Amino acid sequence: MDCGNRHSGIGGGWQREASLRARLQELAANRVQSAVNELSGRITHEQLADADLGRHIIGKHPHCS
C-alpha cells in the first residue's frame, strides 16, 4: 500500500472540493444579483405603467381640467 499517493489523492480531493464550493458560491452570488436586477427592472416598468395609467385616469376626471 502506498500511503504517500493515497494521502496526496485525498489532498487533491479537498482542493477540488474547495474549488467547487468557491465556484458554487460565485454562481449563487451571480444568481442573486441577476434576480435583484430583474426585480428592479420589473418594479421600474410597473411603476412607469402605473404612472402612465394615473395620468390617463386624472385626465378623464371631469373636475380635473
Protein backbone atom coordinates (compact mmCIF):
# COMPACT_ATOMS: atom_id res chain seq x y z
CA MET A 1 0.00 0.00 0.00
CA ASP A 2 1.41 3.39 -0.96
CA CYS A 3 0.27 5.82 1.70
CA GLY A 4 2.01 8.77 0.02
CA ASN A 5 -0.11 8.53 -3.12
CA ARG A 6 -3.28 7.92 -1.21
CA HIS A 7 -2.64 10.91 1.03
CA SER A 8 -1.89 13.22 -1.89
CA GLY A 9 -5.05 11.98 -3.61
CA ILE A 10 -7.10 12.92 -0.58
CA GLY A 11 -5.39 16.32 -0.50
CA GLY A 12 -6.28 16.83 -4.14
CA GLY A 13 -9.87 15.93 -3.34
CA TRP A 14 -10.04 18.60 -0.67
CA GLN A 15 -8.62 21.16 -3.07
CA ARG A 16 -11.16 20.14 -5.68
CA GLU A 17 -13.97 20.39 -3.15
CA ALA A 18 -12.83 23.83 -2.02
CA SER A 19 -12.64 24.96 -5.64
CA LEU A 20 -16.13 23.63 -6.36
CA ARG A 21 -17.52 25.28 -3.24
CA ALA A 22 -15.98 28.61 -4.27
CA ARG A 23 -17.47 28.23 -7.75
CA LEU A 24 -20.91 27.41 -6.34
CA GLN A 25 -20.77 30.47 -4.09
CA GLU A 26 -19.80 32.61 -7.09
CA LEU A 27 -22.69 31.20 -9.14
CA ALA A 28 -25.12 31.74 -6.25
CA ALA A 29 -23.98 35.36 -5.89
CA ASN A 30 -24.43 35.90 -9.63
CA ARG A 31 -27.94 34.43 -9.49
CA VAL A 32 -28.90 36.68 -6.60
CA GLN A 33 -27.56 39.73 -8.45
CA SER A 34 -29.43 38.72 -11.61
CA ALA A 35 -32.65 38.26 -9.64
CA VAL A 36 -32.22 41.66 -7.99
CA ASN A 37 -31.59 43.30 -11.36
CA GLU A 38 -34.60 41.58 -12.89
CA LEU A 39 -36.85 42.51 -9.97
CA SER A 40 -35.59 46.08 -10.06
CA GLY A 41 -36.38 46.24 -13.77
CA ARG A 42 -39.87 44.88 -13.20
CA ILE A 43 -40.60 47.35 -10.43
CA THR A 44 -39.42 50.24 -12.59
CA HIS A 45 -41.56 49.05 -15.51
CA GLU A 46 -44.62 48.59 -13.28
CA GLN A 47 -44.12 52.00 -11.69
CA LEU A 48 -43.93 53.59 -15.13
CA ALA A 49 -47.08 51.75 -16.20
CA ASP A 50 -48.87 52.85 -13.02
CA ALA A 51 -47.77 56.45 -13.52
CA ASP A 52 -48.98 56.35 -17.13
CA LEU A 53 -52.30 54.85 -16.04
CA GLY A 54 -52.57 57.52 -13.35
CA ARG A 55 -52.17 60.26 -15.96
CA HIS A 56 -54.95 58.73 -18.06
CA ILE A 57 -57.29 58.46 -15.07
CA ILE A 58 -56.56 62.02 -13.93
CA GLY A 59 -57.06 63.29 -17.46
CA LYS A 60 -60.53 61.68 -17.60
CA HIS A 61 -61.80 63.14 -14.34
CA PRO A 62 -64.40 65.82 -15.12
CA HIS A 63 -63.26 68.01 -12.21
CA CYS A 64 -59.58 67.84 -13.25
CA SER A 65 -59.42 70.11 -16.26
